[in-house]
Amino acid sequence: MGEYDKDKKQFTKRSKGTVKPFPDLNREALAYVLDSIEKKYQGQVPDEQDPEFQKYLQGENFAKLYAGFKQWEA
């Protein structure tokens, strides 16, 4: 994951030659995303009902789930 684009609400792709640091880790967002993925594999429905979240969860798109954490937690 590259830098966070606030307008698109997603992380950019990193190029192979980049030397920029990775984004700072948001432990709460990481725990939320990993918990949701774990529940999915256990056959449980995550508490989150947002259709966009469910779409990303089905596609297991970590970057989009992680980036969208703030809009879904409200």
PDB file of N, CA and C in Angstrom:
ATOM      1  N   MET A   1       0.845  -1.173   0.000  1.00  0.00           N
ATOM      2  CA  MET A   1       0.000   0.000   0.000  1.00  0.00           C
ATOM      3  C   MET A   1       0.892   1.239   0.000  1.00  0.00           C
ATOM      4  N   GLY A   2       0.478   2.206  -0.800  1.00  0.00           N
ATOM      5  CA  GLY A   2       1.192   3.471  -0.858  1.00  0.00           C
ATOM      6  C   GLY A   2       0.539   4.500   0.038  1.00  0.00           C
ATOM      7  N   GLU A   3       0.563   5.737  -0.411  1.00  0.00           N
ATOM      8  CA  GLU A   3      -0.028   6.827   0.361  1.00  0.00           C
ATOM      9  C   GLU A   3      -1.553   6.759   0.293  1.00  0.00           C
ATOM     10  N   TYR A   4      -2.198   7.363   1.290  1.00  0.00           N
ATOM     11  CA  TYR A   4      -3.652   7.393   1.341  1.00  0.00           C
ATOM     12  C   TYR A   4      -4.160   8.583   0.541  1.00  0.00           C
ATOM     13  N   ASP A   5      -5.074   8.347  -0.384  1.00  0.00           N
ATOM     14  CA  ASP A   5      -5.696   9.400  -1.185  1.00  0.00           C
ATOM     15  C   ASP A   5      -7.033   9.743  -0.524  1.00  0.00           C
ATOM     16  N   LYS A   6      -7.109  10.916   0.101  1.00  0.00           N
ATOM     17  CA  LYS A   6      -8.311  11.310   0.845  1.00  0.00           C
ATOM     18  C   LYS A   6      -9.521  11.497  -0.061  1.00  0.00           C
ATOM     19  N   ASP A   7      -9.300  11.950  -1.293  1.00  0.00           N
ATOM     20  CA  ASP A   7     -10.420  12.157  -2.221  1.00  0.00           C
ATOM     21  C   ASP A   7     -11.046  10.838  -2.646  1.00  0.00           C
ATOM     22  N   LYS A   8     -10.212   9.853  -2.976  1.00  0.00           N
ATOM     23  CA  LYS A   8     -10.701   8.546  -3.425  1.00  0.00           C
ATOM     24  C   LYS A   8     -10.991   7.606  -2.261  1.00  0.00           C
ATOM     25  N   LYS A   9     -10.515   7.978  -1.065  1.00  0.00           N
ATOM     26  CA  LYS A   9     -10.656   7.159   0.145  1.00  0.00           C
ATOM     27  C   LYS A   9     -10.084   5.758  -0.056  1.00  0.00           C
ATOM     28  N   GLN A  10      -8.855   5.739  -0.590  1.00  0.00           N
ATOM     29  CA  GLN A  10      -8.162   4.469  -0.775  1.00  0.00           C
ATOM     30  C   GLN A  10      -6.660   4.713  -0.822  1.00  0.00           C
ATOM     31  N   PHE A  11      -5.904   3.645  -0.669  1.00  0.00           N
ATOM     32  CA  PHE A  11      -4.461   3.728  -0.749  1.00  0.00           C
ATOM     33  C   PHE A  11      -4.022   3.582  -2.200  1.00  0.00           C
ATOM     34  N   THR A  12      -2.960   4.282  -2.562  1.00  0.00           N
ATOM     35  CA  THR A  12      -2.414   4.167  -3.905  1.00  0.00           C
ATOM     36  C   THR A  12      -1.539   2.918  -3.981  1.00  0.00           C
ATOM     37  N   LYS A  13      -1.215   2.509  -5.189  1.00  0.00           N
ATOM     38  CA  LYS A  13      -0.308   1.377  -5.392  1.00  0.00           C
ATOM     39  C   LYS A  13       1.129   1.865  -5.222  1.00  0.00           C
ATOM     40  N   ARG A  14       1.974   1.005  -4.686  1.00  0.00           N
ATOM     41  CA  ARG A  14       3.396   1.322  -4.563  1.00  0.00           C
ATOM     42  C   ARG A  14       4.109   0.845  -5.820  1.00  0.00           C
ATOM     43  N   SER A  15       5.019   1.650  -6.315  1.00  0.00           N
ATOM     44  CA  SER A  15       5.821   1.213  -7.452  1.00  0.00           C
ATOM     45  C   SER A  15       6.963   0.347  -6.944  1.00  0.00           C
ATOM     46  N   LYS A  16       7.540  -0.443  -7.834  1.00  0.00           N
ATOM     47  CA  LYS A  16       8.627  -1.334  -7.423  1.00  0.00           C
ATOM     48  C   LYS A  16       9.836  -0.589  -6.884  1.00  0.00           C
ATOM     49  N   GLY A  17      10.111   0.580  -7.436  1.00  0.00           N
ATOM     50  CA  GLY A  17      11.314   1.307  -7.055  1.00  0.00           C
ATOM     51  C   GLY A  17      11.122   2.314  -5.939  1.00  0.00           C
ATOM     52  N   THR A  18       9.957   2.379  -5.326  1.00  0.00           N
ATOM     53  CA  THR A  18       9.713   3.396  -4.304  1.00  0.00           C
ATOM     54  C   THR A  18      10.525   3.132  -3.037  1.00  0.00           C
ATOM     55  N   VAL A  19      10.947   4.214  -2.421  1.00  0.00           N
ATOM     56  CA  VAL A  19      11.659   4.118  -1.146  1.00  0.00           C
ATOM     57  C   VAL A  19      10.895   4.840  -0.049  1.00  0.00           C
ATOM     58  N   LYS A  20       9.667   5.270  -0.369  1.00  0.00           N
ATOM     59  CA  LYS A  20       8.838   5.938   0.634  1.00  0.00           C
ATOM     60  C   LYS A  20       8.451   4.938   1.714  1.00  0.00           C
ATOM     61  N   PRO A  21       8.308   5.413   2.950  1.00  0.00           N
ATOM     62  CA  PRO A  21       7.887   4.500   4.020  1.00  0.00           C
ATOM     63  C   PRO A  21       6.431   4.067   3.835  1.00  0.00           C
ATOM     64  N   PHE A  22       6.099   2.950   4.434  1.00  0.00           N
ATOM     65  CA  PHE A  22       4.716   2.472   4.421  1.00  0.00           C
ATOM     66  C   PHE A  22       3.879   3.376   5.319  1.00  0.00           C
ATOM     67  N   PRO A  23       2.554   3.409   5.123  1.00  0.00           N
ATOM     68  CA  PRO A  23       1.703   4.229   6.001  1.00  0.00           C
ATOM     69  C   PRO A  23       1.783   3.738   7.447  1.00  0.00           C
ATOM     70  N   ASP A  24       1.551   4.644   8.377  1.00  0.00           N
ATOM     71  CA  ASP A  24       1.523   4.253   9.794  1.00  0.00           C
ATOM     72  C   ASP A  24       0.396   3.257  10.017  1.00  0.00           C
ATOM     73  N   LEU A  25       0.633   2.316  10.903  1.00  0.00           N
ATOM     74  CA  LEU A  25      -0.345   1.270  11.194  1.00  0.00           C
ATOM     75  C   LEU A  25      -1.411   1.794  12.150  1.00  0.00           C
ATOM     76  N   ASN A  26      -2.655   1.595  11.803  1.00  0.00           N
ATOM     77  CA  ASN A  26      -3.772   1.913  12.687  1.00  0.00           C
ATOM     78  C   ASN A  26      -4.204   0.574  13.286  1.00  0.00           C
ATOM     79  N   ARG A  27      -3.832   0.329  14.528  1.00  0.00           N
ATOM     80  CA  ARG A  27      -4.089  -0.966  15.166  1.00  0.00           C
ATOM     81  C   ARG A  27      -5.581  -1.292  15.259  1.00  0.00           C
ATOM     82  N   GLU A  28      -6.389  -0.275  15.495  1.00  0.00           N
ATOM     83  CA  GLU A  28      -7.830  -0.488  15.606  1.00  0.00           C
ATOM     84  C   GLU A  28      -8.410  -0.932  14.255  1.00  0.00           C
ATOM     85  N   ALA A  29      -7.983  -0.279  13.179  1.00  0.00           N
ATOM     86  CA  ALA A  29      -8.450  -0.647  11.840  1.00  0.00           C
ATOM     87  C   ALA A  29      -7.988  -2.050  11.484  1.00  0.00           C
ATOM     88  N   LEU A  30      -6.742  -2.375  11.787  1.00  0.00           N
ATOM     89  CA  LEU A  30      -6.205  -3.705  11.500  1.00  0.00           C
ATOM     90  C   LEU A  30      -6.994  -4.778  12.246  1.00  0.00           C
ATOM     91  N   ALA A  31      -7.269  -4.549  13.524  1.00  0.00           N
ATOM     92  CA  ALA A  31      -8.025  -5.520  14.320  1.00  0.00           C
ATOM     93  C   ALA A  31      -9.438  -5.697  13.773  1.00  0.00           C
ATOM     94  N   TYR A  32     -10.063  -4.608  13.371  1.00  0.00           N
ATOM     95  CA  TYR A  32     -11.427  -4.634  12.830  1.00  0.00           C
ATOM     96  C   TYR A  32     -11.481  -5.458  11.541  1.00  0.00           C
ATOM     97  N   VAL A  33     -10.549  -5.195  10.639  1.00  0.00           N
ATOM     98  CA  VAL A  33     -10.515  -5.898   9.350  1.00  0.00           C
ATOM     99  C   VAL A  33     -10.211  -7.379   9.558  1.00  0.00           C
ATOM    100  N   LEU A  34      -9.200  -7.684  10.354  1.00  0.00           N
ATOM    101  CA  LEU A  34      -8.841  -9.088  10.575  1.00  0.00           C
ATOM    102  C   LEU A  34      -9.957  -9.851  11.287  1.00  0.00           C
ATOM    103  N   ASP A  35     -10.634  -9.196  12.236  1.00  0.00           N
ATOM    104  CA  ASP A  35     -11.753  -9.827  12.929  1.00  0.00           C
ATOM    105  C   ASP A  35     -12.890 -10.136  11.952  1.00  0.00           C
ATOM    106  N   SER A  36     -13.164  -9.206  11.054  1.00  0.00           N
ATOM    107  CA  SER A  36     -14.229  -9.411  10.066  1.00  0.00           C
ATOM    108  C   SER A  36     -13.897 -10.561   9.122  1.00  0.00           C
ATOM    109  N   ILE A  37     -12.661 -10.632   8.674  1.00  0.00           N
ATOM    110  CA  ILE A  37     -12.244 -11.722   7.775  1.00  0.00           C
ATOM    111  C   ILE A  37     -12.305 -13.059   8.509  1.00  0.00           C
ATOM    112  N   GLU A  38     -11.866 -13.058   9.766  1.00  0.00           N
ATOM    113  CA  GLU A  38     -11.908 -14.287  10.560  1.00  0.00           C
ATOM    114  C   GLU A  38     -13.351 -14.762  10.740  1.00  0.00           C
ATOM    115  N   LYS A  39     -14.266 -13.844  11.046  1.00  0.00           N
ATOM    116  CA  LYS A  39     -15.677 -14.209  11.197  1.00  0.00           C
ATOM    117  C   LYS A  39     -16.232 -14.777   9.898  1.00  0.00           C
ATOM    118  N   LYS A  40     -15.826 -14.195   8.781  1.00  0.00           N
ATOM    119  CA  LYS A  40     -16.287 -14.684   7.476  1.00  0.00           C
ATOM    120  C   LYS A  40     -15.893 -16.153   7.298  1.00  0.00           C
ATOM    121  N   TYR A  41     -14.655 -16.488   7.637  1.00  0.00           N
ATOM    122  CA  TYR A  41     -14.182 -17.857   7.462  1.00  0.00           C
ATOM    123  C   TYR A  41     -14.774 -18.822   8.480  1.00  0.00           C
ATOM    124  N   GLN A  42     -15.273 -18.313   9.586  1.00  0.00           N
ATOM    125  CA  GLN A  42     -15.928 -19.157  10.586  1.00  0.00           C
ATOM    126  C   GLN A  42     -17.413 -19.303  10.293  1.00  0.00           C
ATOM    127  N   GLY A  43     -17.872 -18.671   9.215  1.00  0.00           N
ATOM    128  CA  GLY A  43     -19.271 -18.776   8.839  1.00  0.00           C
ATOM    129  C   GLY A  43     -20.181 -17.829   9.590  1.00  0.00           C
ATOM    130  N   GLN A  44     -19.603 -16.898  10.314  1.00  0.00           N
ATOM    131  CA  GLN A  44     -20.397 -15.912  11.050  1.00  0.00           C
ATOM    132  C   GLN A  44     -20.546 -14.666  10.196  1.00  0.00           C
ATOM    133  N   VAL A  45     -21.643 -13.967  10.373  1.00  0.00           N
ATOM    134  CA  VAL A  45     -21.858 -12.716   9.655  1.00  0.00           C
ATOM    135  C   VAL A  45     -21.269 -11.597  10.501  1.00  0.00           C
ATOM    136  N   PRO A  46     -20.318 -10.824   9.945  1.00  0.00           N
ATOM    137  CA  PRO A  46     -19.780  -9.699  10.714  1.00  0.00           C
ATOM    138  C   PRO A  46     -20.881  -8.698  11.041  1.00  0.00           C
ATOM    139  N   ASP A  47     -20.702  -7.949  12.112  1.00  0.00           N
ATOM    140  CA  ASP A  47     -21.692  -6.978  12.568  1.00  0.00           C
ATOM    141  C   ASP A  47     -21.940  -5.882  11.538  1.00  0.00           C
ATOM    142  N   GLU A  48     -20.951  -5.606  10.722  1.00  0.00           N
ATOM    143  CA  GLU A  48     -21.036  -4.514   9.750  1.00  0.00           C
ATOM    144  C   GLU A  48     -22.054  -4.824   8.662  1.00  0.00           C
ATOM    145  N   GLN A  49     -22.971  -3.899   8.423  1.00  0.00           N
ATOM    146  CA  GLN A  49     -24.019  -4.104   7.429  1.00  0.00           C
ATOM    147  C   GLN A  49     -23.841  -3.247   6.178  1.00  0.00           C
ATOM    148  N   ASP A  50     -22.817  -2.397   6.138  1.00  0.00           N
ATOM    149  CA  ASP A  50     -22.599  -1.525   4.985  1.00  0.00           C
ATOM    150  C   ASP A  50     -22.359  -2.370   3.733  1.00  0.00           C
ATOM    151  N   PRO A  51     -23.126  -2.144   2.649  1.00  0.00           N
ATOM    152  CA  PRO A  51     -22.988  -2.963   1.434  1.00  0.00           C
ATOM    153  C   PRO A  51     -21.604  -2.866   0.798  1.00  0.00           C
ATOM    154  N   GLU A  52     -20.986  -1.689   0.887  1.00  0.00           N
ATOM    155  CA  GLU A  52     -19.643  -1.529   0.315  1.00  0.00           C
ATOM    156  C   GLU A  52     -18.637  -2.365   1.106  1.00  0.00           C
ATOM    157  N   PHE A  53     -18.774  -2.354   2.426  1.00  0.00           N
ATOM    158  CA  PHE A  53     -17.909  -3.176   3.269  1.00  0.00           C
ATOM    159  C   PHE A  53     -18.084  -4.649   2.921  1.00  0.00           C
ATOM    160  N   GLN A  54     -19.327  -5.089   2.780  1.00  0.00           N
ATOM    161  CA  GLN A  54     -19.600  -6.489   2.461  1.00  0.00           C
ATOM    162  C   GLN A  54     -18.989  -6.870   1.111  1.00  0.00           C
ATOM    163  N   LYS A  55     -19.046  -5.960   0.142  1.00  0.00           N
ATOM    164  CA  LYS A  55     -18.458  -6.217  -1.178  1.00  0.00           C
ATOM    165  C   LYS A  55     -16.953  -6.425  -1.057  1.00  0.00           C
ATOM    166  N   TYR A  56     -16.280  -5.554  -0.325  1.00  0.00           N
ATOM    167  CA  TYR A  56     -14.832  -5.681  -0.147  1.00  0.00           C
ATOM    168  C   TYR A  56     -14.476  -6.911   0.672  1.00  0.00           C
ATOM    169  N   LEU A  57     -15.331  -7.246   1.638  1.00  0.00           N
ATOM    170  CA  LEU A  57     -15.089  -8.435   2.450  1.00  0.00           C
ATOM    171  C   LEU A  57     -15.187  -9.702   1.600  1.00  0.00           C
ATOM    172  N   GLN A  58     -16.182  -9.761   0.717  1.00  0.00           N
ATOM    173  CA  GLN A  58     -16.323 -10.921  -0.161  1.00  0.00           C
ATOM    174  C   GLN A  58     -15.122 -11.042  -1.093  1.00  0.00           C
ATOM    175  N   GLY A  59     -14.616  -9.916  -1.553  1.00  0.00           N
ATOM    176  CA  GLY A  59     -13.450  -9.917  -2.436  1.00  0.00           C
ATOM    177  C   GLY A  59     -12.145 -10.005  -1.673  1.00  0.00           C
ATOM    178  N   GLU A  60     -12.228  -9.946  -0.347  1.00  0.00           N
ATOM    179  CA  GLU A  60     -11.068 -10.001   0.533  1.00  0.00           C
ATOM    180  C   GLU A  60     -10.008  -8.987   0.127  1.00  0.00           C
ATOM    181  N   ASN A  61     -10.459  -7.764  -0.139  1.00  0.00           N
ATOM    182  CA  ASN A  61      -9.564  -6.697  -0.532  1.00  0.00           C
ATOM    183  C   ASN A  61      -9.119  -5.959   0.730  1.00  0.00           C
ATOM    184  N   PHE A  62      -7.990  -6.378   1.281  1.00  0.00           N
ATOM    185  CA  PHE A  62      -7.516  -5.832   2.548  1.00  0.00           C
ATOM    186  C   PHE A  62      -7.308  -4.328   2.485  1.00  0.00           C
ATOM    187  N   ALA A  63      -6.669  -3.841   1.435  1.00  0.00           N
ATOM    188  CA  ALA A  63      -6.366  -2.408   1.346  1.00  0.00           C
ATOM    189  C   ALA A  63      -7.643  -1.567   1.370  1.00  0.00           C
ATOM    190  N   LYS A  64      -8.674  -2.008   0.671  1.00  0.00           N
ATOM    191  CA  LYS A  64      -9.922  -1.240   0.637  1.00  0.00           C
ATOM    192  C   LYS A  64     -10.675  -1.363   1.960  1.00  0.00           C
ATOM    193  N   LEU A  65     -10.643  -2.519   2.588  1.00  0.00           N
ATOM    194  CA  LEU A  65     -11.275  -2.675   3.900  1.00  0.00           C
ATOM    195  C   LEU A  65     -10.569  -1.797   4.933  1.00  0.00           C
ATOM    196  N   TYR A  66      -9.248  -1.833   4.920  1.00  0.00           N
ATOM    197  CA  TYR A  66      -8.446  -1.060   5.868  1.00  0.00           C
ATOM    198  C   TYR A  66      -8.645   0.436   5.644  1.00  0.00           C
ATOM    199  N   ALA A  67      -8.656   0.862   4.398  1.00  0.00           N
ATOM    200  CA  ALA A  67      -8.826   2.285   4.077  1.00  0.00           C
ATOM    201  C   ALA A  67     -10.221   2.769   4.448  1.00  0.00           C
ATOM    202  N   GLY A  68     -11.227   1.923   4.303  1.00  0.00           N
ATOM    203  CA  GLY A  68     -12.600   2.328   4.587  1.00  0.00           C
ATOM    204  C   GLY A  68     -12.992   2.229   6.030  1.00  0.00           C
ATOM    205  N   PHE A  69     -12.098   1.804   6.884  1.00  0.00           N
ATOM    206  CA  PHE A  69     -12.413   1.597   8.292  1.00  0.00           C
ATOM    207  C   PHE A  69     -13.091   2.800   8.929  1.00  0.00           C
ATOM    208  N   LYS A  70     -12.582   4.000   8.742  1.00  0.00           N
ATOM    209  CA  LYS A  70     -13.114   5.188   9.397  1.00  0.00           C
ATOM    210  C   LYS A  70     -14.555   5.475   8.988  1.00  0.00           C
ATOM    211  N   GLN A  71     -14.891   5.301   7.717  1.00  0.00           N
ATOM    212  CA  GLN A  71     -16.254   5.605   7.294  1.00  0.00           C
ATOM    213  C   GLN A  71     -17.233   4.557   7.804  1.00  0.00           C
ATOM    214  N   TRP A  72     -16.777   3.321   8.026  1.00  0.00           N
ATOM    215  CA  TRP A  72     -17.692   2.260   8.471  1.00  0.00           C
ATOM    216  C   TRP A  72     -17.839   2.195   9.979  1.00  0.00           C
ATOM    217  N   GLU A  73     -16.869   2.734  10.702  1.00  0.00           N
ATOM    218  CA  GLU A  73     -16.945   2.617  12.161  1.00  0.00           C
ATOM    219  C   GLU A  73     -17.971   3.569  12.757  1.00  0.00           C
ATOM    220  N   ALA A  74     -18.346   4.601  12.030  1.00  0.00           N
ATOM    221  CA  ALA A  74     -19.281   5.595  12.568  1.00  0.00           C
ATOM    222  C   ALA A  74     -20.676   5.038  12.731  1.00  0.00           C
TER     223      ALA A  74
END
